Structures are given as C-alpha cells and as structure tokens.
Amino acid sequence: MSKQVLVERFFETLISGHRFAARGIVEECFAKNHSAEKIVDKLFWPAIEMIHTVYRADQLSMVSHHYATRLLRMLADQMQLRLEQRERRGQSVLLVCGPNEHDELQGQLAADALEADGYDVYFAGGGVANDEIVNQIGELEPHALVMYGSTPQDLPYIRQLIDELREIGTCPDTQIVVGGGVFNRAEGLAEEIGADLWAKTPGELVSAMTAEPERRASADQRTVGRRRRSAKTAAA
C-alpha cells in the first residue's frame, strides 16, 4: 500500500471520529517496523496538513474537524511516549505557536520531536503576548526560540517580536526558528522576516537545528525591521 493511500485511510478515520480504527492504522505502521519518529513525520503530519487544507476550503464540517483534531491530539500524546529519547543536550528551546487547535497540534509535534532529540523544551502554546515571550527569553536564555505552526494573523506579531529582539539585543545568541503553518505555504517568508532557520515538518526541524545550530540571519535580513519602522515613521 502506498504512503498516500495510507494517509488518506488515516484521514478518513480521523474525520469520522473512529478512534479504534485510527489506532489500528498506527499499530499497522508499528507492525511494519516503522519508528515512532517516522509515523509522526509521514502519517500524522500529512494528515494534519490535509485536515487544515480541506477545512480552509470549507469542505469539512465543524464536527468532523473537531473529531480529527482531538483524535490526533490523543494519538500524539500516546506517540510521545514511544519516541526514542536521545542524550540530553543541555540546551533549552522556548516554543510557541498559533492560537487554534491545528496550530497547537503542529506545535506539540514539534515540541515532542525536539524533546526526544535531547532539548529541554518549554512549550507555551498559542496566544502568548510578545512582552511575555521576551521576558521568558530573558529568564530562560534558550538556545532557540521556535515559532511553529503560525497563522497569517500571527505574522505582524512575529515580525514585531523578531524586530524587538534584534533591537534590544535580548539573548543575541538565541536562534530564531520558524516553521509549519503559514511558513509552509509562503515560500521565502521565513527568510524575509529575518528568521535564522526554518523547516516544514518536525523531522526537518530537528535535522535543521542539529545541522546548523549556529546559523543566523544575514546582516541585511536583520535590518529589514529597522527599515520597515523607518518607513512607517516617515509616512507618519
């Protein structure tokens, strides 16, 4: 059976709220010796994307959307216990996301993947004000601030947060990472707003942060926010 067919089967069980059948598909994957990491990246993640795409197109009822997101959250909670836990890195990550259920799911999968890879993850979820995020960065001094699974409505606040962190110099060594959500649908957006690193899936996120822990935005990208503020001031 092809991967796409399996994802579509899984999607159908999720939107119908069939908990037993959904768990059965996960067990099928384990029976074929798929790792928990692979199941998250190749089954859970495509299903989340499919649910969101169909829902945004107004082709999925509210009850089906609730069935799917809540069932996936339950499965994600169970899967976290089966992820291989690697040696602790001694590095922390502050992770935030968009405010809705879909974004929280993406954020949770990213948090679980990073924790399993050895990071100490502080997952604040969605709806946290920028000033509180800045305060937490000052307290935790994390290796990375990860904003994962964000909506278009979050973008002005993310831009403002990055600009503020660059301007006031709070924990200048903290890597700013984005991914999922709107960043997967708008190529080049992550780089344009001055993020240091970006990734589409939880697996890619772990790989990117492991491969490029010191990557930082170019000097030109870091001045984008200052140019933007200058333009607003001049217009005023």
C-alpha atoms as a PDB file:
ATOM      1  CA  MET A   1       0.000   0.000   0.000  1.00  0.00           C
ATOM      2  CA  SER A   2       1.372   3.414  -0.968  1.00  0.00           C
ATOM      3  CA  LYS A   3       2.086   6.102   1.613  1.00  0.00           C
ATOM      4  CA  GLN A   4      -0.582   8.387   0.116  1.00  0.00           C
ATOM      5  CA  VAL A   5      -3.254   5.702   0.332  1.00  0.00           C
ATOM      6  CA  LEU A   6      -2.340   5.071   3.968  1.00  0.00           C
ATOM      7  CA  VAL A   7      -2.544   8.780   4.799  1.00  0.00           C
ATOM      8  CA  GLU A   8      -5.946   9.009   3.092  1.00  0.00           C
ATOM      9  CA  ARG A   9      -7.215   5.996   5.063  1.00  0.00           C
ATOM     10  CA  PHE A  10      -5.964   7.604   8.250  1.00  0.00           C
ATOM     11  CA  PHE A  11      -7.570  10.920   7.304  1.00  0.00           C
ATOM     12  CA  GLU A  12     -10.941   9.210   6.809  1.00  0.00           C
ATOM     13  CA  THR A  13     -10.794   7.547  10.224  1.00  0.00           C
ATOM     14  CA  LEU A  14      -9.893  10.873  11.851  1.00  0.00           C
ATOM     15  CA  ILE A  15     -12.676  12.965  10.336  1.00  0.00           C
ATOM     16  CA  SER A  16     -15.217  10.241  11.109  1.00  0.00           C
ATOM     17  CA  GLY A  17     -14.087  10.179  14.747  1.00  0.00           C
ATOM     18  CA  HIS A  18     -13.353   6.439  14.585  1.00  0.00           C
ATOM     19  CA  ARG A  19     -10.850   6.159  17.419  1.00  0.00           C
ATOM     20  CA  PHE A  20     -10.383   2.373  17.283  1.00  0.00           C
ATOM     21  CA  ALA A  21      -9.742   2.387  13.517  1.00  0.00           C
ATOM     22  CA  ALA A  22      -7.280   5.275  13.785  1.00  0.00           C
ATOM     23  CA  ARG A  23      -5.292   3.452  16.470  1.00  0.00           C
ATOM     24  CA  GLY A  24      -5.394   0.352  14.283  1.00  0.00           C
ATOM     25  CA  ILE A  25      -3.652   2.175  11.431  1.00  0.00           C
ATOM     26  CA  VAL A  26      -0.950   3.373  13.818  1.00  0.00           C
ATOM     27  CA  GLU A  27      -0.443  -0.203  15.026  1.00  0.00           C
ATOM     28  CA  GLU A  28      -0.204  -1.338  11.391  1.00  0.00           C
ATOM     29  CA  CYS A  29       2.716   1.044  10.968  1.00  0.00           C
ATOM     30  CA  PHE A  30       4.469  -0.314  14.045  1.00  0.00           C
ATOM     31  CA  ALA A  31       3.876  -3.858  12.783  1.00  0.00           C
ATOM     32  CA  LYS A  32       5.784  -2.879   9.634  1.00  0.00           C
ATOM     33  CA  ASN A  33       8.682  -1.720  11.841  1.00  0.00           C
ATOM     34  CA  HIS A  34       8.123   1.973  11.251  1.00  0.00           C
ATOM     35  CA  SER A  35       9.615   4.072  14.032  1.00  0.00           C
ATOM     36  CA  ALA A  36       7.532   6.478  16.087  1.00  0.00           C
ATOM     37  CA  GLU A  37       9.517   9.333  14.515  1.00  0.00           C
ATOM     38  CA  LYS A  38       8.622   8.159  11.021  1.00  0.00           C
ATOM     39  CA  ILE A  39       4.947   7.753  11.925  1.00  0.00           C
ATOM     40  CA  VAL A  40       4.819  11.327  13.211  1.00  0.00           C
ATOM     41  CA  ASP A  41       6.542  12.746  10.139  1.00  0.00           C
ATOM     42  CA  LYS A  42       4.981  10.559   7.420  1.00  0.00           C
ATOM     43  CA  LEU A  43       1.489   9.897   8.809  1.00  0.00           C
ATOM     44  CA  PHE A  44       0.484  12.407  11.488  1.00  0.00           C
ATOM     45  CA  TRP A  45       1.964  15.450   9.796  1.00  0.00           C
ATOM     46  CA  PRO A  46       0.437  14.889   6.304  1.00  0.00           C
ATOM     47  CA  ALA A  47      -2.904  14.174   7.975  1.00  0.00           C
ATOM     48  CA  ILE A  48      -2.771  17.478   9.867  1.00  0.00           C
ATOM     49  CA  GLU A  49      -1.969  19.319   6.644  1.00  0.00           C
ATOM     50  CA  MET A  50      -4.807  17.544   4.805  1.00  0.00           C
ATOM     51  CA  ILE A  51      -7.322  18.344   7.549  1.00  0.00           C
ATOM     52  CA  HIS A  52      -6.358  22.011   7.535  1.00  0.00           C
ATOM     53  CA  THR A  53      -6.443  22.285   3.735  1.00  0.00           C
ATOM     54  CA  VAL A  54      -9.898  20.758   3.471  1.00  0.00           C
ATOM     55  CA  TYR A  55     -11.228  22.774   6.409  1.00  0.00           C
ATOM     56  CA  ARG A  56      -9.924  26.061   4.999  1.00  0.00           C
ATOM     57  CA  ALA A  57     -11.674  25.255   1.732  1.00  0.00           C
ATOM     58  CA  ASP A  58     -14.933  24.884   3.680  1.00  0.00           C
ATOM     59  CA  GLN A  59     -15.166  21.216   2.694  1.00  0.00           C
ATOM     60  CA  LEU A  60     -15.141  19.822   6.217  1.00  0.00           C
ATOM     61  CA  SER A  61     -17.824  20.244   8.846  1.00  0.00           C
ATOM     62  CA  MET A  62     -17.047  21.609  12.289  1.00  0.00           C
ATOM     63  CA  VAL A  63     -17.866  18.299  13.935  1.00  0.00           C
ATOM     64  CA  SER A  64     -15.509  16.400  11.583  1.00  0.00           C
ATOM     65  CA  HIS A  65     -12.777  18.951  12.240  1.00  0.00           C
ATOM     66  CA  HIS A  66     -13.262  18.513  15.991  1.00  0.00           C
ATOM     67  CA  TYR A  67     -13.234  14.729  15.668  1.00  0.00           C
ATOM     68  CA  ALA A  68      -9.979  14.836  13.712  1.00  0.00           C
ATOM     69  CA  THR A  69      -8.030  17.362  15.772  1.00  0.00           C
ATOM     70  CA  ARG A  70      -8.974  15.870  19.114  1.00  0.00           C
ATOM     71  CA  LEU A  71      -8.285  12.329  17.982  1.00  0.00           C
ATOM     72  CA  LEU A  72      -4.921  13.360  16.575  1.00  0.00           C
ATOM     73  CA  ARG A  73      -4.043  15.112  19.833  1.00  0.00           C
ATOM     74  CA  MET A  74      -4.810  11.921  21.739  1.00  0.00           C
ATOM     75  CA  LEU A  75      -2.653   9.874  19.358  1.00  0.00           C
ATOM     76  CA  ALA A  76       0.157  12.442  19.552  1.00  0.00           C
ATOM     77  CA  ASP A  77       0.102  12.235  23.358  1.00  0.00           C
ATOM     78  CA  GLN A  78       0.430   8.458  23.161  1.00  0.00           C
ATOM     79  CA  MET A  79       3.128   8.609  20.482  1.00  0.00           C
ATOM     80  CA  GLN A  80       5.304  10.929  22.562  1.00  0.00           C
ATOM     81  CA  LEU A  81       5.900   8.070  24.990  1.00  0.00           C
ATOM     82  CA  ARG A  82       7.208   5.885  22.147  1.00  0.00           C
ATOM     83  CA  LEU A  83       9.698   8.354  20.694  1.00  0.00           C
ATOM     84  CA  GLU A  84      13.329   7.362  21.204  1.00  0.00           C
ATOM     85  CA  GLN A  85      14.813   9.710  23.798  1.00  0.00           C
ATOM     86  CA  ARG A  86      18.351  10.744  22.946  1.00  0.00           C
ATOM     87  CA  GLU A  87      21.007  12.013  25.323  1.00  0.00           C
ATOM     88  CA  ARG A  88      20.217  15.428  26.790  1.00  0.00           C
ATOM     89  CA  ARG A  89      21.952  18.312  25.035  1.00  0.00           C
ATOM     90  CA  GLY A  90      21.967  20.762  27.919  1.00  0.00           C
ATOM     91  CA  GLN A  91      20.190  23.270  25.651  1.00  0.00           C
ATOM     92  CA  SER A  92      16.703  24.677  26.031  1.00  0.00           C
ATOM     93  CA  VAL A  93      14.075  25.681  23.487  1.00  0.00           C
ATOM     94  CA  LEU A  94      11.136  28.030  24.013  1.00  0.00           C
ATOM     95  CA  LEU A  95       8.374  27.030  21.600  1.00  0.00           C
ATOM     96  CA  VAL A  96       5.218  28.999  20.803  1.00  0.00           C
ATOM     97  CA  CYS A  97       2.587  28.590  18.094  1.00  0.00           C
ATOM     98  CA  GLY A  98      -0.660  29.940  16.698  1.00  0.00           C
ATOM     99  CA  PRO A  99      -3.824  30.034  18.838  1.00  0.00           C
ATOM    100  CA  ASN A 100      -6.074  27.442  17.219  1.00  0.00           C
ATOM    101  CA  GLU A 101      -6.273  23.664  17.583  1.00  0.00           C
ATOM    102  CA  HIS A 102      -4.482  22.993  14.299  1.00  0.00           C
ATOM    103  CA  ASP A 103      -1.538  25.216  15.249  1.00  0.00           C
ATOM    104  CA  GLU A 104      -1.346  23.720  18.737  1.00  0.00           C
ATOM    105  CA  LEU A 105      -1.130  20.253  17.185  1.00  0.00           C
ATOM    106  CA  GLN A 106       1.738  21.313  14.938  1.00  0.00           C
ATOM    107  CA  GLY A 107       3.466  22.937  17.897  1.00  0.00           C
ATOM    108  CA  GLN A 108       3.006  19.860  20.044  1.00  0.00           C
ATOM    109  CA  LEU A 109       4.524  17.545  17.422  1.00  0.00           C
ATOM    110  CA  ALA A 110       7.474  19.917  17.051  1.00  0.00           C
ATOM    111  CA  ALA A 111       7.923  20.113  20.827  1.00  0.00           C
ATOM    112  CA  ASP A 112       7.812  16.312  21.161  1.00  0.00           C
ATOM    113  CA  ALA A 113      10.353  15.836  18.367  1.00  0.00           C
ATOM    114  CA  LEU A 114      12.781  18.375  19.827  1.00  0.00           C
ATOM    115  CA  GLU A 115      12.466  16.957  23.340  1.00  0.00           C
ATOM    116  CA  ALA A 116      13.149  13.452  22.048  1.00  0.00           C
ATOM    117  CA  ASP A 117      16.259  14.815  20.331  1.00  0.00           C
ATOM    118  CA  GLY A 118      17.677  15.964  23.658  1.00  0.00           C
ATOM    119  CA  TYR A 119      16.468  19.555  24.036  1.00  0.00           C
ATOM    120  CA  ASP A 120      14.756  20.836  27.173  1.00  0.00           C
ATOM    121  CA  VAL A 121      11.554  22.170  25.621  1.00  0.00           C
ATOM    122  CA  TYR A 122       9.283  24.806  27.137  1.00  0.00           C
ATOM    123  CA  PHE A 123       6.071  24.668  25.087  1.00  0.00           C
ATOM    124  CA  ALA A 124       3.934  27.739  25.781  1.00  0.00           C
ATOM    125  CA  GLY A 125       1.407  27.088  23.004  1.00  0.00           C
ATOM    126  CA  GLY A 126      -0.536  29.903  21.382  1.00  0.00           C
ATOM    127  CA  GLY A 127      -1.930  33.268  22.396  1.00  0.00           C
ATOM    128  CA  VAL A 128       1.073  34.415  24.452  1.00  0.00           C
ATOM    129  CA  ALA A 129       1.761  38.152  24.255  1.00  0.00           C
ATOM    130  CA  ASN A 130       5.084  39.293  22.809  1.00  0.00           C
ATOM    131  CA  ASP A 131       6.188  41.029  26.011  1.00  0.00           C
ATOM    132  CA  GLU A 132       5.753  37.781  27.938  1.00  0.00           C
ATOM    133  CA  ILE A 133       7.741  35.885  25.310  1.00  0.00           C
ATOM    134  CA  VAL A 134      10.544  38.460  25.548  1.00  0.00           C
ATOM    135  CA  ASN A 135      10.527  38.120  29.351  1.00  0.00           C
ATOM    136  CA  GLN A 136      10.714  34.332  29.094  1.00  0.00           C
ATOM    137  CA  ILE A 137      13.634  34.544  26.687  1.00  0.00           C
ATOM    138  CA  GLY A 138      15.424  36.785  29.181  1.00  0.00           C
ATOM    139  CA  GLU A 139      14.765  34.301  32.006  1.00  0.00           C
ATOM    140  CA  LEU A 140      15.440  31.046  30.168  1.00  0.00           C
ATOM    141  CA  GLU A 141      18.205  32.262  27.824  1.00  0.00           C
ATOM    142  CA  PRO A 142      17.239  29.448  25.427  1.00  0.00           C
ATOM    143  CA  HIS A 143      19.370  28.137  22.612  1.00  0.00           C
ATOM    144  CA  ALA A 144      16.398  28.696  20.303  1.00  0.00           C
ATOM    145  CA  LEU A 145      13.053  30.437  20.111  1.00  0.00           C
ATOM    146  CA  VAL A 146      10.862  28.275  17.874  1.00  0.00           C
ATOM    147  CA  MET A 147       7.636  29.709  16.439  1.00  0.00           C
ATOM    148  CA  TYR A 148       5.957  26.726  14.837  1.00  0.00           C
ATOM    149  CA  GLY A 149       2.522  26.386  13.290  1.00  0.00           C
ATOM    150  CA  SER A 150       1.604  30.059  12.952  1.00  0.00           C
ATOM    151  CA  THR A 151      -1.374  31.614  11.174  1.00  0.00           C
ATOM    152  CA  PRO A 152      -1.362  34.603   8.776  1.00  0.00           C
ATOM    153  CA  GLN A 153      -2.895  36.636  11.595  1.00  0.00           C
ATOM    154  CA  ASP A 154       0.191  35.943  13.711  1.00  0.00           C
ATOM    155  CA  LEU A 155       2.625  37.399  11.181  1.00  0.00           C
ATOM    156  CA  PRO A 156       2.544  41.059  12.302  1.00  0.00           C
ATOM    157  CA  TYR A 157       3.267  39.951  15.867  1.00  0.00           C
ATOM    158  CA  ILE A 158       6.054  37.597  14.778  1.00  0.00           C
ATOM    159  CA  ARG A 159       7.657  40.355  12.704  1.00  0.00           C
ATOM    160  CA  GLN A 160       7.364  42.749  15.634  1.00  0.00           C
ATOM    161  CA  LEU A 161       8.827  40.197  18.041  1.00  0.00           C
ATOM    162  CA  ILE A 162      11.836  39.482  15.831  1.00  0.00           C
ATOM    163  CA  ASP A 163      12.409  43.207  15.294  1.00  0.00           C
ATOM    164  CA  GLU A 164      12.230  43.858  19.033  1.00  0.00           C
ATOM    165  CA  LEU A 165      14.610  41.042  19.901  1.00  0.00           C
ATOM    166  CA  ARG A 166      17.103  42.328  17.320  1.00  0.00           C
ATOM    167  CA  GLU A 167      16.772  45.916  18.502  1.00  0.00           C
ATOM    168  CA  ILE A 168      17.038  45.455  22.254  1.00  0.00           C
ATOM    169  CA  GLY A 169      19.553  42.605  21.990  1.00  0.00           C
ATOM    170  CA  THR A 170      17.773  40.218  24.359  1.00  0.00           C
ATOM    171  CA  CYS A 171      19.816  36.996  24.304  1.00  0.00           C
ATOM    172  CA  PRO A 172      21.508  37.754  20.961  1.00  0.00           C
ATOM    173  CA  ASP A 173      22.801  34.166  20.775  1.00  0.00           C
ATOM    174  CA  THR A 174      19.273  32.715  20.763  1.00  0.00           C
ATOM    175  CA  GLN A 175      18.487  31.227  17.367  1.00  0.00           C
ATOM    176  CA  ILE A 176      15.101  32.246  15.926  1.00  0.00           C
ATOM    177  CA  VAL A 177      13.416  29.348  14.144  1.00  0.00           C
ATOM    178  CA  VAL A 178      10.058  29.217  12.362  1.00  0.00           C
ATOM    179  CA  GLY A 179       8.112  26.548  10.512  1.00  0.00           C
ATOM    180  CA  GLY A 180       4.804  24.886   9.818  1.00  0.00           C
ATOM    181  CA  GLY A 181       1.598  26.820   9.291  1.00  0.00           C
ATOM    182  CA  VAL A 182       1.804  29.894   7.109  1.00  0.00           C
ATOM    183  CA  PHE A 183       5.554  29.478   6.599  1.00  0.00           C
ATOM    184  CA  ASN A 184       4.967  26.234   4.696  1.00  0.00           C
ATOM    185  CA  ARG A 185       2.517  27.964   2.372  1.00  0.00           C
ATOM    186  CA  ALA A 186       4.551  31.092   1.581  1.00  0.00           C
ATOM    187  CA  GLU A 187       7.994  30.355   0.169  1.00  0.00           C
ATOM    188  CA  GLY A 188      10.643  32.825   1.261  1.00  0.00           C
ATOM    189  CA  LEU A 189       8.528  34.314   4.050  1.00  0.00           C
ATOM    190  CA  ALA A 190      10.673  32.967   6.887  1.00  0.00           C
ATOM    191  CA  GLU A 191      13.814  34.470   5.397  1.00  0.00           C
ATOM    192  CA  GLU A 192      12.065  37.754   4.602  1.00  0.00           C
ATOM    193  CA  ILE A 193      11.033  38.355   8.216  1.00  0.00           C
ATOM    194  CA  GLY A 194      14.563  37.677   9.459  1.00  0.00           C
ATOM    195  CA  ALA A 195      14.328  34.159  10.919  1.00  0.00           C
ATOM    196  CA  ASP A 196      17.640  32.375  11.360  1.00  0.00           C
ATOM    197  CA  LEU A 197      16.331  28.935  10.386  1.00  0.00           C
ATOM    198  CA  TRP A 198      13.122  27.332   9.109  1.00  0.00           C
ATOM    199  CA  ALA A 199      11.715  23.866   8.469  1.00  0.00           C
ATOM    200  CA  LYS A 200       8.485  22.308   7.228  1.00  0.00           C
ATOM    201  CA  THR A 201       7.990  19.166   9.314  1.00  0.00           C
ATOM    202  CA  PRO A 202       9.019  18.202  12.860  1.00  0.00           C
ATOM    203  CA  GLY A 203      11.601  15.819  11.415  1.00  0.00           C
ATOM    204  CA  GLU A 204      13.077  18.551   9.222  1.00  0.00           C
ATOM    205  CA  LEU A 205      13.082  20.889  12.208  1.00  0.00           C
ATOM    206  CA  VAL A 206      15.199  18.510  14.277  1.00  0.00           C
ATOM    207  CA  SER A 207      17.562  17.872  11.360  1.00  0.00           C
ATOM    208  CA  ALA A 208      17.964  21.574  10.569  1.00  0.00           C
ATOM    209  CA  MET A 209      18.653  22.601  14.168  1.00  0.00           C
ATOM    210  CA  THR A 210      21.144  19.747  14.570  1.00  0.00           C
ATOM    211  CA  ALA A 211      22.923  20.533  11.301  1.00  0.00           C
ATOM    212  CA  GLU A 212      23.028  24.332  11.668  1.00  0.00           C
ATOM    213  CA  PRO A 213      22.970  25.271  15.358  1.00  0.00           C
ATOM    214  CA  GLU A 214      24.981  28.441  14.724  1.00  0.00           C
ATOM    215  CA  ARG A 215      23.119  29.670  11.654  1.00  0.00           C
ATOM    216  CA  ARG A 216      21.984  33.273  11.955  1.00  0.00           C
ATOM    217  CA  ALA A 217      20.210  35.655   9.586  1.00  0.00           C
ATOM    218  CA  SER A 218      22.425  37.851   7.446  1.00  0.00           C
ATOM    219  CA  ALA A 219      23.129  41.447   8.441  1.00  0.00           C
ATOM    220  CA  ASP A 220      20.836  42.604   5.645  1.00  0.00           C
ATOM    221  CA  GLN A 221      17.949  40.472   6.903  1.00  0.00           C
ATOM    222  CA  ARG A 222      18.465  41.783  10.423  1.00  0.00           C
ATOM    223  CA  THR A 223      17.949  45.349   9.200  1.00  0.00           C
ATOM    224  CA  VAL A 224      14.638  44.635   7.474  1.00  0.00           C
ATOM    225  CA  GLY A 225      12.670  45.513  10.591  1.00  0.00           C
ATOM    226  CA  ARG A 226      14.556  48.744  11.135  1.00  0.00           C
ATOM    227  CA  ARG A 227      13.879  49.778   7.534  1.00  0.00           C
ATOM    228  CA  ARG A 228      10.232  48.890   7.966  1.00  0.00           C
ATOM    229  CA  ARG A 229       9.924  51.012  11.112  1.00  0.00           C
ATOM    230  CA  SER A 230      11.740  53.895   9.444  1.00  0.00           C
ATOM    231  CA  ALA A 231       9.301  53.812   6.540  1.00  0.00           C
ATOM    232  CA  LYS A 232       6.344  53.917   8.932  1.00  0.00           C
ATOM    233  CA  THR A 233       7.833  56.841  10.822  1.00  0.00           C
ATOM    234  CA  ALA A 234       8.413  58.772   7.620  1.00  0.00           C
ATOM    235  CA  ALA A 235       4.859  58.094   6.456  1.00  0.00           C
ATOM    236  CA  ALA A 236       3.512  59.333   9.789  1.00  0.00           C
END
